[in-house]
Amino acid sequence: MLTVLSVWLVDRAGRRPLWLITSAAMVFCLTGAGLVFQHHLTGPIAVAAIFLCAAPHSVGLGPLPWLMMSELYPTRIRARAVSITTTFLWIAGFTGPFFFPMIESSSKKVFGSAAGVFWFYAIVSVLAFLWGIRFLPETKGRTLEEIAASWEVAHAGHGSVIRGDQRVERL
């Protein structure tokens, strides 16, 4: 159901605002879930805390990378770049759960509960938010060519411009 909300929102709100809002929401939800576990709260409040963490992920941080990776890469490298990115996402999605017991064990040693797991992921969400502010362009309503042209302009101040398969050095 939340993924349907994401599909509806992505072209109305835009990719970048949706990324920023959902990564900020993840920070608050994960921090809250950490507090729930730190205070050893159980029952419906613990379940609600976990569901609250899943909601912003389902709306933004889960589906957006799959959409944006097909929009952000230049045409000449898109197929290869999307293949590499997809492989990385699948590997991360597969191996990530294997690290949970290790992170939970460390958290229990440091905090006396699993709270540190949620706080660790809250820090990751802060990094996702900062990445979105610094690097993520808005692609809503733009053609692939317009997005590629914006990368050329963005890199013009760094000594060279890439046009197609050519590199043009600036004087």
N, C-alpha and C. Protein backbone atom coordinates (compact mmCIF):
# COMPACT_ATOMS: atom_id res chain seq x y z
N MET A 1 0.82 -1.19 0.00
CA MET A 1 0.00 0.00 0.00
C MET A 1 0.87 1.27 0.00
N LEU A 2 1.95 1.24 0.81
CA LEU A 2 2.81 2.42 0.87
C LEU A 2 3.60 2.62 -0.42
N THR A 3 3.90 1.52 -1.11
CA THR A 3 4.60 1.64 -2.38
C THR A 3 3.70 2.32 -3.41
N VAL A 4 2.40 2.04 -3.34
CA VAL A 4 1.45 2.72 -4.22
C VAL A 4 1.46 4.22 -3.92
N LEU A 5 1.55 4.58 -2.66
CA LEU A 5 1.67 5.99 -2.27
C LEU A 5 2.94 6.59 -2.86
N SER A 6 4.02 5.84 -2.85
CA SER A 6 5.28 6.31 -3.42
C SER A 6 5.13 6.58 -4.91
N VAL A 7 4.50 5.67 -5.63
CA VAL A 7 4.29 5.85 -7.07
C VAL A 7 3.48 7.11 -7.33
N TRP A 8 2.49 7.35 -6.50
CA TRP A 8 1.65 8.52 -6.65
C TRP A 8 2.43 9.80 -6.32
N LEU A 9 3.26 9.76 -5.28
CA LEU A 9 3.98 10.94 -4.82
C LEU A 9 5.19 11.32 -5.67
N VAL A 10 5.85 10.34 -6.26
CA VAL A 10 7.14 10.59 -6.89
C VAL A 10 7.05 11.63 -8.01
N ASP A 11 5.99 11.62 -8.78
CA ASP A 11 5.86 12.61 -9.85
C ASP A 11 5.11 13.86 -9.41
N ARG A 12 4.57 13.86 -8.24
CA ARG A 12 3.90 15.06 -7.74
C ARG A 12 4.83 15.88 -6.85
N ALA A 13 5.48 15.22 -5.92
CA ALA A 13 6.37 15.91 -4.99
C ALA A 13 7.77 16.07 -5.56
N GLY A 14 8.19 15.11 -6.37
CA GLY A 14 9.55 15.12 -6.91
C GLY A 14 10.42 14.12 -6.18
N ARG A 15 11.46 13.67 -6.86
CA ARG A 15 12.33 12.65 -6.30
C ARG A 15 13.16 13.20 -5.14
N ARG A 16 13.77 14.34 -5.34
CA ARG A 16 14.66 14.90 -4.31
C ARG A 16 13.89 15.25 -3.03
N PRO A 17 12.75 15.98 -3.12
CA PRO A 17 12.00 16.25 -1.88
C PRO A 17 11.54 14.97 -1.18
N LEU A 18 11.12 13.98 -1.98
CA LEU A 18 10.68 12.72 -1.37
C LEU A 18 11.85 12.02 -0.68
N TRP A 19 13.04 12.06 -1.28
CA TRP A 19 14.23 11.48 -0.67
C TRP A 19 14.55 12.19 0.65
N LEU A 20 14.53 13.51 0.62
CA LEU A 20 14.89 14.28 1.82
C LEU A 20 13.86 14.08 2.93
N ILE A 21 12.59 14.10 2.60
CA ILE A 21 11.54 13.93 3.61
C ILE A 21 11.60 12.53 4.21
N THR A 22 11.72 11.51 3.37
CA THR A 22 11.71 10.15 3.91
C THR A 22 13.01 9.81 4.64
N SER A 23 14.14 10.36 4.21
CA SER A 23 15.37 10.08 4.97
C SER A 23 15.33 10.79 6.32
N ALA A 24 14.77 12.00 6.37
CA ALA A 24 14.60 12.69 7.67
C ALA A 24 13.62 11.92 8.55
N ALA A 25 12.54 11.43 7.96
CA ALA A 25 11.57 10.64 8.72
C ALA A 25 12.23 9.36 9.26
N MET A 26 13.10 8.76 8.46
CA MET A 26 13.81 7.56 8.93
C MET A 26 14.69 7.88 10.14
N VAL A 27 15.33 9.04 10.12
CA VAL A 27 16.17 9.44 11.26
C VAL A 27 15.32 9.47 12.53
N PHE A 28 14.17 10.12 12.47
CA PHE A 28 13.32 10.25 13.65
C PHE A 28 12.71 8.90 14.07
N CYS A 29 12.24 8.13 13.10
CA CYS A 29 11.63 6.84 13.43
C CYS A 29 12.66 5.86 14.01
N LEU A 30 13.85 5.82 13.41
CA LEU A 30 14.88 4.91 13.92
C LEU A 30 15.39 5.34 15.29
N THR A 31 15.52 6.65 15.49
CA THR A 31 15.92 7.14 16.81
C THR A 31 14.87 6.77 17.85
N GLY A 32 13.61 6.95 17.48
CA GLY A 32 12.50 6.57 18.38
C GLY A 32 12.49 5.08 18.67
N ALA A 33 12.71 4.27 17.64
CA ALA A 33 12.75 2.82 17.85
C ALA A 33 13.91 2.45 18.77
N GLY A 34 15.03 3.13 18.61
CA GLY A 34 16.16 2.90 19.51
C GLY A 34 15.79 3.20 20.95
N LEU A 35 15.06 4.30 21.16
CA LEU A 35 14.63 4.65 22.52
C LEU A 35 13.68 3.61 23.09
N VAL A 36 12.79 3.09 22.24
CA VAL A 36 11.86 2.04 22.68
C VAL A 36 12.65 0.82 23.16
N PHE A 37 13.66 0.42 22.40
CA PHE A 37 14.45 -0.75 22.79
C PHE A 37 15.37 -0.44 23.97
N GLN A 38 15.88 0.77 24.03
CA GLN A 38 16.76 1.15 25.14
C GLN A 38 16.00 1.10 26.47
N HIS A 39 14.73 1.48 26.43
CA HIS A 39 13.92 1.48 27.66
C HIS A 39 13.17 0.16 27.84
N HIS A 40 13.52 -0.83 27.04
CA HIS A 40 12.97 -2.18 27.14
C HIS A 40 11.44 -2.19 27.10
N LEU A 41 10.87 -1.33 26.27
CA LEU A 41 9.42 -1.33 26.09
C LEU A 41 9.05 -2.47 25.16
N THR A 42 7.93 -3.12 25.44
CA THR A 42 7.52 -4.27 24.65
C THR A 42 6.07 -4.12 24.22
N GLY A 43 5.58 -5.11 23.52
CA GLY A 43 4.18 -5.13 23.12
C GLY A 43 3.89 -4.21 21.95
N PRO A 44 2.70 -3.64 21.95
CA PRO A 44 2.26 -2.84 20.81
C PRO A 44 3.18 -1.65 20.50
N ILE A 45 3.78 -1.06 21.51
CA ILE A 45 4.64 0.10 21.25
C ILE A 45 5.89 -0.31 20.48
N ALA A 46 6.44 -1.47 20.77
CA ALA A 46 7.61 -1.96 20.03
C ALA A 46 7.23 -2.29 18.59
N VAL A 47 6.09 -2.91 18.42
CA VAL A 47 5.61 -3.24 17.07
C VAL A 47 5.35 -1.96 16.28
N ALA A 48 4.72 -0.98 16.91
CA ALA A 48 4.44 0.30 16.25
C ALA A 48 5.74 1.00 15.84
N ALA A 49 6.74 0.93 16.70
CA ALA A 49 8.03 1.56 16.40
C ALA A 49 8.65 0.94 15.15
N ILE A 50 8.57 -0.38 15.02
CA ILE A 50 9.12 -1.06 13.84
C ILE A 50 8.31 -0.70 12.60
N PHE A 51 6.99 -0.69 12.72
CA PHE A 51 6.16 -0.31 11.57
C PHE A 51 6.42 1.12 11.14
N LEU A 52 6.65 2.00 12.10
CA LEU A 52 6.95 3.39 11.76
C LEU A 52 8.27 3.51 11.00
N CYS A 53 9.21 2.64 11.31
CA CYS A 53 10.49 2.64 10.57
C CYS A 53 10.29 2.16 9.14
N ALA A 54 9.39 1.22 8.96
CA ALA A 54 9.17 0.66 7.63
C ALA A 54 8.45 1.63 6.70
N ALA A 55 7.62 2.49 7.25
CA ALA A 55 6.79 3.37 6.41
C ALA A 55 7.62 4.32 5.53
N PRO A 56 8.53 5.14 6.08
CA PRO A 56 9.27 6.03 5.19
C PRO A 56 10.18 5.27 4.23
N HIS A 57 10.65 4.11 4.64
CA HIS A 57 11.47 3.31 3.73
C HIS A 57 10.63 2.85 2.55
N SER A 58 9.41 2.41 2.81
CA SER A 58 8.54 1.92 1.74
C SER A 58 8.12 3.02 0.78
N VAL A 59 8.03 4.25 1.28
CA VAL A 59 7.59 5.36 0.45
C VAL A 59 8.75 5.98 -0.33
N GLY A 60 9.93 6.06 0.28
CA GLY A 60 11.02 6.79 -0.37
C GLY A 60 12.30 6.03 -0.57
N LEU A 61 12.97 5.71 0.51
CA LEU A 61 14.32 5.16 0.40
C LEU A 61 14.37 3.76 -0.21
N GLY A 62 13.28 3.03 -0.17
CA GLY A 62 13.24 1.71 -0.80
C GLY A 62 13.09 1.80 -2.32
N PRO A 63 12.04 2.45 -2.82
CA PRO A 63 11.83 2.46 -4.27
C PRO A 63 12.61 3.52 -5.04
N LEU A 64 12.95 4.64 -4.43
CA LEU A 64 13.59 5.73 -5.18
C LEU A 64 14.92 5.37 -5.84
N PRO A 65 15.82 4.64 -5.18
CA PRO A 65 17.07 4.31 -5.87
C PRO A 65 16.85 3.55 -7.19
N TRP A 66 15.84 2.69 -7.21
CA TRP A 66 15.58 1.91 -8.42
C TRP A 66 15.11 2.82 -9.55
N LEU A 67 14.36 3.83 -9.23
CA LEU A 67 13.90 4.78 -10.25
C LEU A 67 15.01 5.71 -10.67
N MET A 68 15.70 6.27 -9.70
CA MET A 68 16.68 7.32 -9.99
C MET A 68 17.91 6.82 -10.72
N MET A 69 18.31 5.57 -10.47
CA MET A 69 19.52 5.11 -11.15
C MET A 69 19.33 5.04 -12.65
N SER A 70 18.12 4.86 -13.12
CA SER A 70 17.89 4.84 -14.56
C SER A 70 17.83 6.26 -15.14
N GLU A 71 17.68 7.24 -14.30
CA GLU A 71 17.58 8.63 -14.76
C GLU A 71 18.89 9.41 -14.65
N LEU A 72 19.72 9.06 -13.72
CA LEU A 72 20.88 9.88 -13.40
C LEU A 72 22.11 9.62 -14.26
N TYR A 73 22.26 8.43 -14.78
CA TYR A 73 23.47 8.12 -15.54
C TYR A 73 23.36 8.65 -16.97
N PRO A 74 24.47 9.14 -17.52
CA PRO A 74 24.48 9.59 -18.91
C PRO A 74 24.16 8.42 -19.85
N THR A 75 23.57 8.72 -20.98
CA THR A 75 23.12 7.70 -21.93
C THR A 75 24.24 6.75 -22.34
N ARG A 76 25.44 7.29 -22.56
CA ARG A 76 26.53 6.46 -23.07
C ARG A 76 27.00 5.41 -22.08
N ILE A 77 26.73 5.56 -20.78
CA ILE A 77 27.14 4.56 -19.79
C ILE A 77 25.97 3.99 -19.01
N ARG A 78 24.75 4.37 -19.37
CA ARG A 78 23.58 4.01 -18.56
C ARG A 78 23.44 2.51 -18.36
N ALA A 79 23.50 1.72 -19.42
CA ALA A 79 23.28 0.27 -19.30
C ALA A 79 24.30 -0.35 -18.35
N ARG A 80 25.56 -0.04 -18.52
CA ARG A 80 26.60 -0.62 -17.67
C ARG A 80 26.46 -0.12 -16.23
N ALA A 81 26.23 1.18 -16.07
CA ALA A 81 26.13 1.76 -14.72
C ALA A 81 24.92 1.21 -13.97
N VAL A 82 23.80 1.07 -14.65
CA VAL A 82 22.61 0.52 -13.99
C VAL A 82 22.85 -0.94 -13.63
N SER A 83 23.55 -1.68 -14.47
CA SER A 83 23.88 -3.08 -14.15
C SER A 83 24.73 -3.17 -12.90
N ILE A 84 25.74 -2.33 -12.82
CA ILE A 84 26.63 -2.33 -11.64
C ILE A 84 25.86 -1.90 -10.40
N THR A 85 25.05 -0.85 -10.52
CA THR A 85 24.28 -0.36 -9.38
C THR A 85 23.28 -1.41 -8.91
N THR A 86 22.61 -2.06 -9.84
CA THR A 86 21.65 -3.10 -9.50
C THR A 86 22.34 -4.25 -8.77
N THR A 87 23.49 -4.65 -9.28
CA THR A 87 24.25 -5.72 -8.63
C THR A 87 24.62 -5.32 -7.21
N PHE A 88 25.09 -4.09 -7.05
CA PHE A 88 25.46 -3.62 -5.71
C PHE A 88 24.25 -3.62 -4.78
N LEU A 89 23.10 -3.14 -5.25
CA LEU A 89 21.90 -3.11 -4.41
C LEU A 89 21.46 -4.51 -4.01
N TRP A 90 21.51 -5.45 -4.95
CA TRP A 90 21.13 -6.82 -4.62
C TRP A 90 22.11 -7.46 -3.62
N ILE A 91 23.40 -7.21 -3.81
CA ILE A 91 24.39 -7.75 -2.88
C ILE A 91 24.20 -7.14 -1.49
N ALA A 92 24.00 -5.82 -1.44
CA ALA A 92 23.78 -5.16 -0.15
C ALA A 92 22.50 -5.66 0.51
N GLY A 93 21.45 -5.83 -0.27
CA GLY A 93 20.19 -6.34 0.27
C GLY A 93 20.30 -7.77 0.77
N PHE A 94 21.15 -8.56 0.13
CA PHE A 94 21.33 -9.95 0.54
C PHE A 94 22.25 -10.07 1.75
N THR A 95 23.35 -9.32 1.75
CA THR A 95 24.33 -9.47 2.83
C THR A 95 23.99 -8.65 4.07
N GLY A 96 23.22 -7.58 3.92
CA GLY A 96 22.87 -6.73 5.05
C GLY A 96 22.30 -7.47 6.24
N PRO A 97 21.33 -8.35 6.04
CA PRO A 97 20.77 -9.09 7.18
C PRO A 97 21.77 -9.98 7.90
N PHE A 98 22.83 -10.40 7.20
CA PHE A 98 23.84 -11.24 7.85
C PHE A 98 24.64 -10.44 8.90
N PHE A 99 24.69 -9.13 8.74
CA PHE A 99 25.43 -8.30 9.69
C PHE A 99 24.58 -7.92 10.91
N PHE A 100 23.26 -8.11 10.82
CA PHE A 100 22.39 -7.72 11.93
C PHE A 100 22.79 -8.38 13.25
N PRO A 101 23.00 -9.69 13.30
CA PRO A 101 23.38 -10.30 14.59
C PRO A 101 24.67 -9.71 15.17
N MET A 102 25.63 -9.40 14.32
CA MET A 102 26.89 -8.83 14.79
C MET A 102 26.67 -7.42 15.34
N ILE A 103 25.88 -6.62 14.65
CA ILE A 103 25.59 -5.25 15.10
C ILE A 103 24.77 -5.31 16.39
N GLU A 104 23.80 -6.23 16.44
CA GLU A 104 22.98 -6.36 17.65
C GLU A 104 23.82 -6.80 18.84
N SER A 105 24.73 -7.70 18.63
CA SER A 105 25.61 -8.17 19.72
C SER A 105 26.46 -7.01 20.24
N SER A 106 27.02 -6.23 19.34
CA SER A 106 27.80 -5.05 19.75
C SER A 106 26.93 -4.05 20.50
N SER A 107 25.72 -3.84 20.01
CA SER A 107 24.80 -2.92 20.66
C SER A 107 24.47 -3.35 22.08
N LYS A 108 24.25 -4.65 22.25
CA LYS A 108 23.92 -5.16 23.59
C LYS A 108 25.09 -4.99 24.55
N LYS A 109 26.32 -5.11 24.03
CA LYS A 109 27.50 -4.90 24.87
C LYS A 109 27.64 -3.44 25.28
N VAL A 110 27.36 -2.54 24.34
CA VAL A 110 27.56 -1.11 24.59
C VAL A 110 26.38 -0.49 25.32
N PHE A 111 25.16 -0.79 24.85
CA PHE A 111 23.96 -0.11 25.38
C PHE A 111 23.10 -0.99 26.27
N GLY A 112 23.35 -2.28 26.29
CA GLY A 112 22.53 -3.18 27.09
C GLY A 112 21.23 -3.55 26.42
N SER A 113 21.09 -3.20 25.15
CA SER A 113 19.89 -3.54 24.38
C SER A 113 20.21 -3.45 22.90
N ALA A 114 19.20 -3.72 22.08
CA ALA A 114 19.36 -3.64 20.62
C ALA A 114 19.22 -2.21 20.10
N ALA A 115 19.13 -1.25 20.99
CA ALA A 115 18.91 0.15 20.59
C ALA A 115 19.98 0.66 19.64
N GLY A 116 21.21 0.25 19.84
CA GLY A 116 22.31 0.72 19.00
C GLY A 116 22.16 0.37 17.55
N VAL A 117 21.47 -0.74 17.26
CA VAL A 117 21.22 -1.11 15.87
C VAL A 117 20.41 -0.01 15.19
N PHE A 118 19.37 0.43 15.86
CA PHE A 118 18.50 1.46 15.29
C PHE A 118 19.22 2.80 15.21
N TRP A 119 20.04 3.10 16.18
CA TRP A 119 20.78 4.35 16.16
C TRP A 119 21.85 4.34 15.06
N PHE A 120 22.45 3.17 14.84
CA PHE A 120 23.40 3.03 13.73
C PHE A 120 22.70 3.33 12.40
N TYR A 121 21.53 2.74 12.20
CA TYR A 121 20.79 2.99 10.96
C TYR A 121 20.26 4.41 10.89
N ALA A 122 20.02 5.04 12.03
CA ALA A 122 19.63 6.46 12.04
C ALA A 122 20.79 7.31 11.52
N ILE A 123 22.01 6.94 11.90
CA ILE A 123 23.19 7.66 11.39
C ILE A 123 23.31 7.47 9.89
N VAL A 124 23.06 6.25 9.41
CA VAL A 124 23.08 5.99 7.97
C VAL A 124 22.02 6.86 7.28
N SER A 125 20.87 7.02 7.91
CA SER A 125 19.81 7.86 7.34
C SER A 125 20.20 9.34 7.34
N VAL A 126 20.94 9.78 8.34
CA VAL A 126 21.46 11.15 8.34
C VAL A 126 22.39 11.33 7.15
N LEU A 127 23.25 10.34 6.91
CA LEU A 127 24.15 10.41 5.75
C LEU A 127 23.38 10.43 4.44
N ALA A 128 22.29 9.65 4.37
CA ALA A 128 21.45 9.66 3.17
C ALA A 128 20.82 11.04 2.97
N PHE A 129 20.39 11.66 4.06
CA PHE A 129 19.81 13.00 3.98
C PHE A 129 20.85 14.01 3.49
N LEU A 130 22.04 13.96 4.06
CA LEU A 130 23.10 14.88 3.66
C LEU A 130 23.53 14.65 2.22
N TRP A 131 23.58 13.40 1.80
CA TRP A 131 23.89 13.09 0.40
C TRP A 131 22.82 13.68 -0.52
N GLY A 132 21.56 13.55 -0.11
CA GLY A 132 20.47 14.11 -0.91
C GLY A 132 20.57 15.62 -1.05
N ILE A 133 20.94 16.29 0.03
CA ILE A 133 21.09 17.75 -0.02
C ILE A 133 22.25 18.14 -0.93
N ARG A 134 23.35 17.43 -0.81
CA ARG A 134 24.58 17.83 -1.52
C ARG A 134 24.63 17.38 -2.98
N PHE A 135 24.20 16.15 -3.26
CA PHE A 135 24.48 15.59 -4.57
C PHE A 135 23.26 15.26 -5.42
N LEU A 136 22.12 15.04 -4.83
CA LEU A 136 20.97 14.52 -5.58
C LEU A 136 20.24 15.62 -6.35
N PRO A 137 20.24 15.54 -7.67
CA PRO A 137 19.50 16.53 -8.44
C PRO A 137 18.03 16.15 -8.53
N GLU A 138 17.19 17.12 -8.79
CA GLU A 138 15.77 16.84 -9.03
C GLU A 138 15.62 16.46 -10.50
N THR A 139 14.97 15.34 -10.76
CA THR A 139 14.78 14.89 -12.12
C THR A 139 13.32 14.92 -12.55
N LYS A 140 12.45 15.32 -11.67
CA LYS A 140 11.01 15.37 -11.96
C LYS A 140 10.75 16.28 -13.16
N GLY A 141 10.03 15.76 -14.14
CA GLY A 141 9.62 16.55 -15.28
C GLY A 141 10.73 16.88 -16.26
N ARG A 142 11.88 16.25 -16.11
CA ARG A 142 13.01 16.53 -17.00
C ARG A 142 13.29 15.32 -17.89
N THR A 143 13.68 15.59 -19.12
CA THR A 143 14.06 14.50 -20.01
C THR A 143 15.44 14.00 -19.63
N LEU A 144 15.78 12.82 -20.12
CA LEU A 144 17.10 12.27 -19.85
C LEU A 144 18.19 13.18 -20.42
N GLU A 145 17.91 13.80 -21.55
CA GLU A 145 18.88 14.72 -22.16
C GLU A 145 19.08 15.95 -21.30
N GLU A 146 18.01 16.49 -20.73
CA GLU A 146 18.12 17.66 -19.85
C GLU A 146 18.93 17.32 -18.59
N ILE A 147 18.72 16.14 -18.06
CA ILE A 147 19.47 15.71 -16.88
C ILE A 147 20.95 15.59 -17.22
N ALA A 148 21.25 14.96 -18.36
CA ALA A 148 22.64 14.83 -18.80
C ALA A 148 23.28 16.20 -19.00
N ALA A 149 22.54 17.14 -19.59
CA ALA A 149 23.08 18.49 -19.81
C ALA A 149 23.36 19.18 -18.48
N SER A 150 22.56 18.93 -17.47
CA SER A 150 22.80 19.56 -16.17
C SER A 150 24.10 19.05 -15.54
N TRP A 151 24.47 17.80 -15.81
CA TRP A 151 25.75 17.28 -15.31
C TRP A 151 26.90 17.97 -16.01
N GLU A 152 26.74 18.26 -17.30
CA GLU A 152 27.80 18.97 -18.04
C GLU A 152 28.04 20.35 -17.44
N VAL A 153 26.96 21.06 -17.14
CA VAL A 153 27.07 22.39 -16.54
C VAL A 153 27.67 22.30 -15.15
N ALA A 154 27.25 21.30 -14.38
CA ALA A 154 27.75 21.14 -13.01
C ALA A 154 29.25 20.87 -12.99
N HIS A 155 29.75 20.17 -13.99
CA HIS A 155 31.17 19.84 -14.02
C HIS A 155 32.01 20.87 -14.77
N ALA A 156 31.37 21.88 -15.34
CA ALA A 156 32.11 22.89 -16.11
C ALA A 156 33.10 23.65 -15.24
N GLY A 157 32.80 23.84 -13.99
CA GLY A 157 33.68 24.58 -13.10
C GLY A 157 34.84 23.76 -12.56
N HIS A 158 34.90 22.48 -12.93
CA HIS A 158 35.95 21.60 -12.39
C HIS A 158 37.06 21.33 -13.39
N GLY A 159 37.25 22.21 -14.39
CA GLY A 159 38.38 22.06 -15.29
C GLY A 159 38.06 21.43 -16.63
N SER A 160 36.97 20.69 -16.74
CA SER A 160 36.63 20.11 -18.03
C SER A 160 35.14 19.85 -18.10
N VAL A 161 34.67 19.73 -19.32
CA VAL A 161 33.26 19.44 -19.56
C VAL A 161 33.22 18.16 -20.37
N ILE A 162 32.30 17.28 -20.03
CA ILE A 162 32.16 16.05 -20.79
C ILE A 162 30.92 16.20 -21.67
N ARG A 163 31.12 16.09 -22.98
CA ARG A 163 30.02 16.15 -23.94
C ARG A 163 30.05 14.87 -24.75
N GLY A 164 28.99 14.09 -24.63
CA GLY A 164 28.98 12.82 -25.36
C GLY A 164 30.14 11.97 -24.91
N ASP A 165 30.97 11.55 -25.86
CA ASP A 165 32.14 10.75 -25.53
C ASP A 165 33.41 11.57 -25.54
N GLN A 166 33.28 12.90 -25.58
CA GLN A 166 34.46 13.77 -25.65
C GLN A 166 34.67 14.49 -24.33
N ARG A 167 35.91 14.74 -24.02
CA ARG A 167 36.25 15.55 -22.86
C ARG A 167 36.85 16.83 -23.41
N VAL A 168 36.28 17.96 -23.08
CA VAL A 168 36.74 19.26 -23.56
C VAL A 168 37.42 19.97 -22.41
N GLU A 169 38.71 20.20 -22.52
CA GLU A 169 39.45 20.87 -21.45
C GLU A 169 39.19 22.37 -21.50
N ARG A 170 39.06 22.97 -20.35
CA ARG A 170 38.88 24.41 -20.25
C ARG A 170 40.23 25.07 -20.12
N LEU A 171 40.35 26.26 -20.64
CA LEU A 171 41.60 27.01 -20.56
C LEU A 171 41.72 27.74 -19.25
